[in-house]
Amino acid sequence: MNKRKHQYLFGFFLAWLCCGSILLAEPVDEACEMAHLQLSTVVGGYLHIQEGEFAHGDTLYKGCILTLSGDKTKVKGDYHPADLFYPFKESVRYRDGWRADSEADGPDGSFFRIHNSSSFCLIEGRWDGGDDSDASYVPSAESGITVKCAAMKK
């Protein structure tokens, strides 16, 4: 991890500890912290964190947006989004009240939405799954995971 990234994360957490969440409501803080802690376990990826707005369906939400990007040949271990976030039965996430309510999976990515009683997260993984019709095609090593969390609308 480079020095600039350490400084950014240190500043982010210092602001978080001293002042609480800068813009987000409390339930979202917990979801964003969970996402950050999980993505920060991936060795060899670059993690970008921001607060902002994002659309889901016809609704605009305010929350956190975390993007992990990297070269899948250099990232250590498996970092499929489902392995990191999906609330499988008996998992910690499941025991903490998270459930999945929509999902899609394909050769170039995976998407699912998880929620608890107060917030939700959209998790999307993207990678180059190759081309089954062209044996000479070499897939890109770039891959990434984007997590967007916000409070549930009442």
N, C-alpha and C. Protein backbone atom coordinates (compact mmCIF):
# COMPACT_ATOMS: atom_id res chain seq x y z
N MET A 1 0.86 -1.17 0.00
CA MET A 1 0.00 0.00 0.00
C MET A 1 0.90 1.23 0.00
N ASN A 2 0.61 2.19 -0.83
CA ASN A 2 1.49 3.35 -0.93
C ASN A 2 1.20 4.37 0.17
N LYS A 3 2.13 5.30 0.35
CA LYS A 3 2.06 6.29 1.42
C LYS A 3 0.82 7.17 1.30
N ARG A 4 0.49 7.57 0.08
CA ARG A 4 -0.67 8.44 -0.14
C ARG A 4 -1.96 7.75 0.29
N LYS A 5 -2.08 6.47 -0.03
CA LYS A 5 -3.27 5.72 0.35
C LYS A 5 -3.37 5.63 1.88
N HIS A 6 -2.24 5.39 2.54
CA HIS A 6 -2.24 5.34 4.00
C HIS A 6 -2.67 6.68 4.59
N GLN A 7 -2.17 7.78 4.03
CA GLN A 7 -2.53 9.10 4.52
C GLN A 7 -4.02 9.36 4.33
N TYR A 8 -4.55 8.98 3.18
CA TYR A 8 -5.97 9.17 2.90
C TYR A 8 -6.82 8.39 3.90
N LEU A 9 -6.49 7.11 4.10
CA LEU A 9 -7.26 6.28 5.02
C LEU A 9 -7.14 6.79 6.45
N PHE A 10 -5.94 7.21 6.85
CA PHE A 10 -5.76 7.74 8.19
C PHE A 10 -6.62 8.99 8.38
N GLY A 11 -6.60 9.90 7.41
CA GLY A 11 -7.41 11.12 7.49
C GLY A 11 -8.90 10.81 7.54
N PHE A 12 -9.32 9.87 6.74
CA PHE A 12 -10.72 9.46 6.71
C PHE A 12 -11.16 8.93 8.08
N PHE A 13 -10.34 8.05 8.64
CA PHE A 13 -10.71 7.47 9.94
C PHE A 13 -10.59 8.48 11.07
N LEU A 14 -9.63 9.40 10.99
CA LEU A 14 -9.51 10.44 11.99
C LEU A 14 -10.76 11.31 11.99
N ALA A 15 -11.21 11.71 10.81
CA ALA A 15 -12.45 12.49 10.70
C ALA A 15 -13.64 11.69 11.22
N TRP A 16 -13.65 10.42 10.91
CA TRP A 16 -14.74 9.54 11.34
C TRP A 16 -14.77 9.45 12.87
N LEU A 17 -13.59 9.26 13.49
CA LEU A 17 -13.53 9.12 14.95
C LEU A 17 -13.83 10.43 15.67
N CYS A 18 -13.27 11.52 15.18
CA CYS A 18 -13.43 12.81 15.85
C CYS A 18 -14.81 13.41 15.66
N CYS A 19 -15.31 13.34 14.49
CA CYS A 19 -16.51 14.09 14.14
C CYS A 19 -17.71 13.21 13.84
N GLY A 20 -17.56 11.92 13.86
CA GLY A 20 -18.63 11.03 13.45
C GLY A 20 -18.73 11.05 11.95
N SER A 21 -19.79 10.52 11.46
CA SER A 21 -19.98 10.52 10.01
C SER A 21 -20.16 11.95 9.52
N ILE A 22 -19.53 12.25 8.43
CA ILE A 22 -19.57 13.62 7.90
C ILE A 22 -20.93 13.92 7.28
N LEU A 23 -21.45 13.04 6.47
CA LEU A 23 -22.70 13.32 5.77
C LEU A 23 -23.79 12.26 5.94
N LEU A 24 -23.44 11.10 6.44
CA LEU A 24 -24.36 9.97 6.36
C LEU A 24 -25.10 9.73 7.67
N ALA A 25 -26.26 9.12 7.56
CA ALA A 25 -27.04 8.75 8.73
C ALA A 25 -26.41 7.52 9.38
N GLU A 26 -26.68 7.32 10.65
CA GLU A 26 -26.04 6.27 11.44
C GLU A 26 -26.14 4.86 10.86
N PRO A 27 -27.31 4.36 10.44
CA PRO A 27 -27.35 3.01 9.89
C PRO A 27 -26.45 2.83 8.66
N VAL A 28 -26.30 3.88 7.89
CA VAL A 28 -25.46 3.81 6.70
C VAL A 28 -24.00 3.71 7.13
N ASP A 29 -23.64 4.40 8.20
CA ASP A 29 -22.27 4.32 8.70
C ASP A 29 -21.86 2.88 8.94
N GLU A 30 -22.73 2.13 9.57
CA GLU A 30 -22.45 0.73 9.87
C GLU A 30 -22.26 -0.09 8.59
N ALA A 31 -23.12 0.12 7.61
CA ALA A 31 -23.03 -0.60 6.34
C ALA A 31 -21.75 -0.21 5.61
N CYS A 32 -21.42 1.08 5.60
CA CYS A 32 -20.22 1.55 4.91
C CYS A 32 -18.97 1.03 5.60
N GLU A 33 -18.98 1.00 6.91
CA GLU A 33 -17.83 0.48 7.65
C GLU A 33 -17.65 -1.01 7.36
N MET A 34 -18.76 -1.76 7.33
CA MET A 34 -18.70 -3.18 7.01
C MET A 34 -18.09 -3.38 5.63
N ALA A 35 -18.54 -2.60 4.65
CA ALA A 35 -18.03 -2.73 3.29
C ALA A 35 -16.55 -2.37 3.23
N HIS A 36 -16.17 -1.30 3.91
CA HIS A 36 -14.76 -0.89 3.92
C HIS A 36 -13.89 -1.97 4.55
N LEU A 37 -14.30 -2.47 5.69
CA LEU A 37 -13.50 -3.49 6.36
C LEU A 37 -13.35 -4.73 5.48
N GLN A 38 -14.41 -5.12 4.81
CA GLN A 38 -14.33 -6.32 3.96
C GLN A 38 -13.45 -6.09 2.74
N LEU A 39 -13.60 -4.96 2.06
CA LEU A 39 -12.79 -4.70 0.87
C LEU A 39 -11.32 -4.47 1.22
N SER A 40 -11.06 -3.95 2.40
CA SER A 40 -9.67 -3.69 2.78
C SER A 40 -8.90 -4.98 3.08
N THR A 41 -9.59 -6.11 3.13
CA THR A 41 -8.90 -7.39 3.33
C THR A 41 -8.27 -7.90 2.04
N VAL A 42 -8.64 -7.32 0.90
CA VAL A 42 -8.10 -7.77 -0.39
C VAL A 42 -6.70 -7.18 -0.57
N VAL A 43 -5.71 -8.06 -0.63
CA VAL A 43 -4.32 -7.63 -0.76
C VAL A 43 -3.99 -7.45 -2.24
N GLY A 44 -3.48 -6.29 -2.58
CA GLY A 44 -3.06 -6.04 -3.96
C GLY A 44 -4.03 -5.22 -4.78
N GLY A 45 -5.17 -4.85 -4.21
CA GLY A 45 -6.13 -4.01 -4.92
C GLY A 45 -6.03 -2.58 -4.45
N TYR A 46 -6.60 -1.66 -5.22
CA TYR A 46 -6.64 -0.24 -4.86
C TYR A 46 -8.08 0.09 -4.46
N LEU A 47 -8.26 0.64 -3.26
CA LEU A 47 -9.58 0.94 -2.74
C LEU A 47 -9.81 2.45 -2.73
N HIS A 48 -10.90 2.87 -3.37
CA HIS A 48 -11.31 4.28 -3.40
C HIS A 48 -12.63 4.40 -2.65
N ILE A 49 -12.71 5.37 -1.74
CA ILE A 49 -13.90 5.56 -0.90
C ILE A 49 -14.40 6.97 -1.10
N GLN A 50 -15.72 7.10 -1.28
CA GLN A 50 -16.31 8.44 -1.37
C GLN A 50 -17.74 8.40 -0.88
N GLU A 51 -18.24 9.55 -0.48
CA GLU A 51 -19.65 9.72 -0.16
C GLU A 51 -20.29 10.40 -1.35
N GLY A 52 -21.51 10.02 -1.67
CA GLY A 52 -22.15 10.65 -2.80
C GLY A 52 -23.53 10.09 -3.05
N GLU A 53 -24.07 10.46 -4.19
CA GLU A 53 -25.40 10.01 -4.58
C GLU A 53 -25.29 8.95 -5.66
N PHE A 54 -26.24 8.01 -5.65
CA PHE A 54 -26.31 7.00 -6.69
C PHE A 54 -27.77 6.61 -6.89
N ALA A 55 -28.08 6.18 -8.09
CA ALA A 55 -29.44 5.77 -8.42
C ALA A 55 -29.56 4.25 -8.33
N HIS A 56 -30.70 3.82 -7.86
CA HIS A 56 -31.06 2.41 -7.89
C HIS A 56 -32.54 2.35 -8.22
N GLY A 57 -32.85 1.75 -9.37
CA GLY A 57 -34.22 1.81 -9.85
C GLY A 57 -34.53 3.26 -10.21
N ASP A 58 -35.66 3.75 -9.76
CA ASP A 58 -36.05 5.13 -10.04
C ASP A 58 -35.75 6.08 -8.87
N THR A 59 -34.98 5.60 -7.90
CA THR A 59 -34.76 6.39 -6.69
C THR A 59 -33.30 6.80 -6.57
N LEU A 60 -33.08 8.02 -6.10
CA LEU A 60 -31.74 8.54 -5.86
C LEU A 60 -31.44 8.39 -4.37
N TYR A 61 -30.29 7.83 -4.04
CA TYR A 61 -29.89 7.61 -2.66
C TYR A 61 -28.60 8.37 -2.38
N LYS A 62 -28.40 8.70 -1.10
CA LYS A 62 -27.16 9.31 -0.65
C LYS A 62 -26.49 8.31 0.28
N GLY A 63 -25.23 8.02 0.01
CA GLY A 63 -24.53 7.04 0.82
C GLY A 63 -23.06 6.99 0.50
N CYS A 64 -22.47 5.83 0.71
CA CYS A 64 -21.05 5.65 0.41
C CYS A 64 -20.90 4.82 -0.85
N ILE A 65 -19.81 5.08 -1.55
CA ILE A 65 -19.48 4.35 -2.77
C ILE A 65 -18.02 3.92 -2.63
N LEU A 66 -17.79 2.62 -2.62
CA LEU A 66 -16.45 2.08 -2.48
C LEU A 66 -16.11 1.31 -3.75
N THR A 67 -14.94 1.56 -4.28
CA THR A 67 -14.52 0.89 -5.51
C THR A 67 -13.16 0.25 -5.29
N LEU A 68 -13.11 -1.05 -5.47
CA LEU A 68 -11.86 -1.80 -5.39
C LEU A 68 -11.48 -2.19 -6.81
N SER A 69 -10.29 -1.82 -7.23
CA SER A 69 -9.85 -2.18 -8.58
C SER A 69 -8.46 -2.79 -8.50
N GLY A 70 -8.16 -3.59 -9.50
CA GLY A 70 -6.84 -4.19 -9.53
C GLY A 70 -6.67 -5.16 -10.67
N ASP A 71 -5.51 -5.71 -10.72
CA ASP A 71 -5.13 -6.71 -11.70
C ASP A 71 -5.35 -8.07 -11.04
N LYS A 72 -6.29 -8.86 -11.57
CA LYS A 72 -6.63 -10.11 -10.90
C LYS A 72 -5.47 -11.10 -10.86
N THR A 73 -4.45 -10.89 -11.68
CA THR A 73 -3.28 -11.78 -11.61
C THR A 73 -2.34 -11.36 -10.48
N LYS A 74 -2.52 -10.16 -9.94
CA LYS A 74 -1.65 -9.68 -8.87
C LYS A 74 -2.34 -9.63 -7.51
N VAL A 75 -3.67 -9.71 -7.51
CA VAL A 75 -4.41 -9.70 -6.25
C VAL A 75 -4.26 -11.08 -5.61
N LYS A 76 -3.90 -11.07 -4.35
CA LYS A 76 -3.70 -12.34 -3.64
C LYS A 76 -5.03 -12.89 -3.18
N GLY A 77 -5.27 -14.16 -3.41
CA GLY A 77 -6.48 -14.82 -2.96
C GLY A 77 -7.65 -14.58 -3.89
N ASP A 78 -8.77 -15.16 -3.52
CA ASP A 78 -9.99 -15.02 -4.31
C ASP A 78 -10.77 -13.83 -3.78
N TYR A 79 -11.15 -12.92 -4.64
CA TYR A 79 -11.95 -11.81 -4.16
C TYR A 79 -13.21 -11.65 -4.98
N HIS A 80 -13.88 -12.74 -5.21
CA HIS A 80 -15.20 -12.70 -5.84
C HIS A 80 -16.15 -11.98 -4.89
N PRO A 81 -17.00 -11.10 -5.41
CA PRO A 81 -17.90 -10.33 -4.54
C PRO A 81 -18.75 -11.21 -3.61
N ALA A 82 -19.21 -12.34 -4.11
CA ALA A 82 -20.04 -13.21 -3.26
C ALA A 82 -19.25 -13.73 -2.07
N ASP A 83 -17.99 -14.06 -2.28
CA ASP A 83 -17.17 -14.55 -1.17
C ASP A 83 -16.97 -13.48 -0.11
N LEU A 84 -16.95 -12.23 -0.52
CA LEU A 84 -16.73 -11.14 0.42
C LEU A 84 -18.00 -10.67 1.12
N PHE A 85 -19.14 -10.68 0.43
CA PHE A 85 -20.33 -10.01 0.96
C PHE A 85 -21.60 -10.85 1.08
N TYR A 86 -21.76 -11.88 0.28
CA TYR A 86 -23.05 -12.55 0.23
C TYR A 86 -23.42 -13.16 1.59
N PRO A 87 -24.64 -12.93 2.06
CA PRO A 87 -25.05 -13.45 3.37
C PRO A 87 -25.50 -14.91 3.30
N PHE A 88 -24.54 -15.81 3.05
CA PHE A 88 -24.86 -17.23 3.05
C PHE A 88 -25.34 -17.62 4.45
N LYS A 89 -26.24 -18.60 4.52
CA LYS A 89 -26.70 -19.07 5.83
C LYS A 89 -25.50 -19.49 6.65
N GLU A 90 -25.56 -19.18 7.93
CA GLU A 90 -24.49 -19.48 8.89
C GLU A 90 -23.29 -18.54 8.77
N SER A 91 -23.29 -17.62 7.82
CA SER A 91 -22.18 -16.66 7.72
C SER A 91 -22.38 -15.55 8.77
N VAL A 92 -21.32 -14.82 9.05
CA VAL A 92 -21.40 -13.70 9.99
C VAL A 92 -22.39 -12.67 9.48
N ARG A 93 -22.36 -12.38 8.20
CA ARG A 93 -23.27 -11.40 7.64
C ARG A 93 -24.73 -11.84 7.84
N TYR A 94 -25.01 -13.11 7.63
CA TYR A 94 -26.37 -13.64 7.82
C TYR A 94 -26.78 -13.52 9.29
N ARG A 95 -25.88 -13.88 10.19
CA ARG A 95 -26.17 -13.78 11.63
C ARG A 95 -26.40 -12.33 12.06
N ASP A 96 -25.77 -11.39 11.34
CA ASP A 96 -25.95 -9.97 11.65
C ASP A 96 -27.22 -9.38 11.04
N GLY A 97 -28.03 -10.20 10.38
CA GLY A 97 -29.32 -9.75 9.86
C GLY A 97 -29.34 -9.34 8.41
N TRP A 98 -28.25 -9.55 7.68
CA TRP A 98 -28.22 -9.20 6.26
C TRP A 98 -28.85 -10.31 5.44
N ARG A 99 -29.59 -9.91 4.39
CA ARG A 99 -30.21 -10.86 3.48
C ARG A 99 -30.05 -10.34 2.05
N ALA A 100 -30.01 -11.25 1.09
CA ALA A 100 -29.95 -10.88 -0.32
C ALA A 100 -31.36 -10.91 -0.88
N ASP A 101 -31.70 -9.93 -1.73
CA ASP A 101 -33.04 -9.94 -2.30
C ASP A 101 -33.05 -9.80 -3.82
N SER A 102 -31.91 -9.62 -4.44
CA SER A 102 -31.84 -9.66 -5.90
C SER A 102 -30.40 -9.98 -6.28
N GLU A 103 -30.26 -10.71 -7.38
CA GLU A 103 -28.91 -11.09 -7.80
C GLU A 103 -28.89 -11.51 -9.25
N ALA A 104 -27.72 -11.34 -9.85
CA ALA A 104 -27.49 -11.77 -11.23
C ALA A 104 -26.01 -12.15 -11.33
N ASP A 105 -25.72 -13.16 -12.10
CA ASP A 105 -24.36 -13.62 -12.25
C ASP A 105 -24.12 -14.01 -13.70
N GLY A 106 -22.97 -13.66 -14.22
CA GLY A 106 -22.66 -13.98 -15.61
C GLY A 106 -21.16 -14.12 -15.80
N PRO A 107 -20.73 -14.36 -17.03
CA PRO A 107 -19.30 -14.58 -17.28
C PRO A 107 -18.43 -13.33 -17.10
N ASP A 108 -19.04 -12.15 -17.16
CA ASP A 108 -18.27 -10.90 -17.04
C ASP A 108 -18.56 -10.14 -15.76
N GLY A 109 -19.31 -10.75 -14.85
CA GLY A 109 -19.58 -10.02 -13.62
C GLY A 109 -20.66 -10.66 -12.77
N SER A 110 -20.89 -10.02 -11.65
CA SER A 110 -21.85 -10.49 -10.68
C SER A 110 -22.47 -9.26 -10.01
N PHE A 111 -23.75 -9.33 -9.70
CA PHE A 111 -24.44 -8.24 -9.03
C PHE A 111 -25.40 -8.83 -8.01
N PHE A 112 -25.45 -8.22 -6.83
CA PHE A 112 -26.50 -8.58 -5.88
C PHE A 112 -26.73 -7.42 -4.93
N ARG A 113 -27.89 -7.45 -4.32
CA ARG A 113 -28.29 -6.42 -3.35
C ARG A 113 -28.50 -7.13 -2.02
N ILE A 114 -27.86 -6.61 -0.98
CA ILE A 114 -28.09 -7.14 0.36
C ILE A 114 -28.68 -6.03 1.22
N HIS A 115 -29.42 -6.41 2.24
CA HIS A 115 -30.04 -5.40 3.11
C HIS A 115 -30.18 -5.96 4.52
N ASN A 116 -30.30 -5.05 5.45
CA ASN A 116 -30.73 -5.40 6.79
C ASN A 116 -31.94 -4.53 7.08
N SER A 117 -32.30 -4.36 8.33
CA SER A 117 -33.53 -3.62 8.62
C SER A 117 -33.44 -2.13 8.34
N SER A 118 -32.24 -1.57 8.25
CA SER A 118 -32.13 -0.13 8.11
C SER A 118 -31.35 0.36 6.89
N SER A 119 -30.58 -0.51 6.25
CA SER A 119 -29.77 -0.06 5.12
C SER A 119 -29.62 -1.17 4.09
N PHE A 120 -29.07 -0.80 2.94
CA PHE A 120 -28.82 -1.79 1.90
C PHE A 120 -27.50 -1.48 1.22
N CYS A 121 -26.95 -2.49 0.55
CA CYS A 121 -25.74 -2.32 -0.24
C CYS A 121 -25.93 -3.00 -1.58
N LEU A 122 -25.51 -2.33 -2.63
CA LEU A 122 -25.47 -2.90 -3.98
C LEU A 122 -24.03 -3.33 -4.22
N ILE A 123 -23.82 -4.57 -4.57
CA ILE A 123 -22.47 -5.08 -4.79
C ILE A 123 -22.37 -5.55 -6.23
N GLU A 124 -21.39 -5.01 -6.94
CA GLU A 124 -21.20 -5.37 -8.34
C GLU A 124 -19.73 -5.68 -8.58
N GLY A 125 -19.48 -6.85 -9.14
CA GLY A 125 -18.13 -7.24 -9.53
C GLY A 125 -18.05 -7.29 -11.04
N ARG A 126 -16.95 -6.81 -11.60
CA ARG A 126 -16.76 -6.82 -13.06
C ARG A 126 -15.39 -7.38 -13.38
N TRP A 127 -15.36 -8.22 -14.42
CA TRP A 127 -14.12 -8.78 -14.92
C TRP A 127 -14.34 -9.22 -16.35
N ASP A 128 -13.28 -9.52 -17.04
CA ASP A 128 -13.37 -9.98 -18.42
C ASP A 128 -13.43 -11.49 -18.40
N GLY A 129 -14.58 -12.03 -18.74
CA GLY A 129 -14.78 -13.48 -18.71
C GLY A 129 -14.29 -14.21 -19.94
N GLY A 130 -13.73 -13.49 -20.88
CA GLY A 130 -13.21 -14.13 -22.09
C GLY A 130 -14.25 -14.22 -23.19
N ASP A 131 -13.89 -14.93 -24.24
CA ASP A 131 -14.76 -15.12 -25.40
C ASP A 131 -14.69 -16.59 -25.80
N ASP A 132 -15.75 -17.32 -25.48
CA ASP A 132 -15.79 -18.76 -25.77
C ASP A 132 -15.70 -19.08 -27.25
N SER A 133 -16.04 -18.10 -28.10
CA SER A 133 -16.02 -18.36 -29.54
C SER A 133 -14.65 -18.09 -30.18
N ASP A 134 -13.72 -17.54 -29.40
CA ASP A 134 -12.40 -17.18 -29.94
C ASP A 134 -11.31 -17.68 -28.99
N ALA A 135 -10.70 -18.80 -29.33
CA ALA A 135 -9.68 -19.41 -28.48
C ALA A 135 -8.43 -18.56 -28.36
N SER A 136 -8.21 -17.64 -29.30
CA SER A 136 -7.01 -16.81 -29.25
C SER A 136 -7.20 -15.55 -28.40
N TYR A 137 -8.44 -15.28 -27.97
CA TYR A 137 -8.72 -14.08 -27.18
C TYR A 137 -8.08 -14.20 -25.79
N VAL A 138 -7.37 -13.18 -25.38
CA VAL A 138 -6.75 -13.15 -24.06
C VAL A 138 -7.52 -12.15 -23.21
N PRO A 139 -8.20 -12.62 -22.17
CA PRO A 139 -9.00 -11.72 -21.33
C PRO A 139 -8.13 -10.70 -20.60
N SER A 140 -8.69 -9.53 -20.37
CA SER A 140 -8.02 -8.49 -19.61
C SER A 140 -7.87 -8.94 -18.16
N ALA A 141 -6.80 -8.54 -17.54
CA ALA A 141 -6.58 -8.88 -16.13
C ALA A 141 -7.27 -7.90 -15.19
N GLU A 142 -7.79 -6.79 -15.73
CA GLU A 142 -8.47 -5.81 -14.90
C GLU A 142 -9.76 -6.37 -14.33
N SER A 143 -9.99 -6.08 -13.07
CA SER A 143 -11.25 -6.46 -12.44
C SER A 143 -11.55 -5.48 -11.33
N GLY A 144 -12.77 -5.50 -10.86
CA GLY A 144 -13.13 -4.56 -9.81
C GLY A 144 -14.43 -4.92 -9.12
N ILE A 145 -14.58 -4.35 -7.94
CA ILE A 145 -15.81 -4.50 -7.16
C ILE A 145 -16.25 -3.10 -6.75
N THR A 146 -17.53 -2.81 -6.95
CA THR A 146 -18.11 -1.55 -6.49
C THR A 146 -19.21 -1.87 -5.48
N VAL A 147 -19.16 -1.20 -4.35
CA VAL A 147 -20.17 -1.36 -3.30
C VAL A 147 -20.77 0.01 -3.04
N LYS A 148 -22.09 0.09 -3.10
CA LYS A 148 -22.82 1.33 -2.81
C LYS A 148 -23.80 1.03 -1.69
N CYS A 149 -23.72 1.78 -0.60
CA CYS A 149 -24.61 1.55 0.55
C CYS A 149 -25.37 2.82 0.89
N ALA A 150 -26.60 2.65 1.33
CA ALA A 150 -27.46 3.78 1.72
C ALA A 150 -28.51 3.30 2.71
N ALA A 151 -29.16 4.26 3.33
CA ALA A 151 -30.27 3.96 4.24
C ALA A 151 -31.48 3.55 3.41
N MET A 152 -32.28 2.66 3.99
CA MET A 152 -33.52 2.24 3.34
C MET A 152 -34.49 3.43 3.36
N LYS A 153 -35.22 3.60 2.26
CA LYS A 153 -36.25 4.65 2.19
C LYS A 153 -37.47 4.11 2.91
N LYS A 154 -38.11 4.99 3.67
CA LYS A 154 -39.29 4.56 4.42
C LYS A 154 -40.55 4.90 3.71
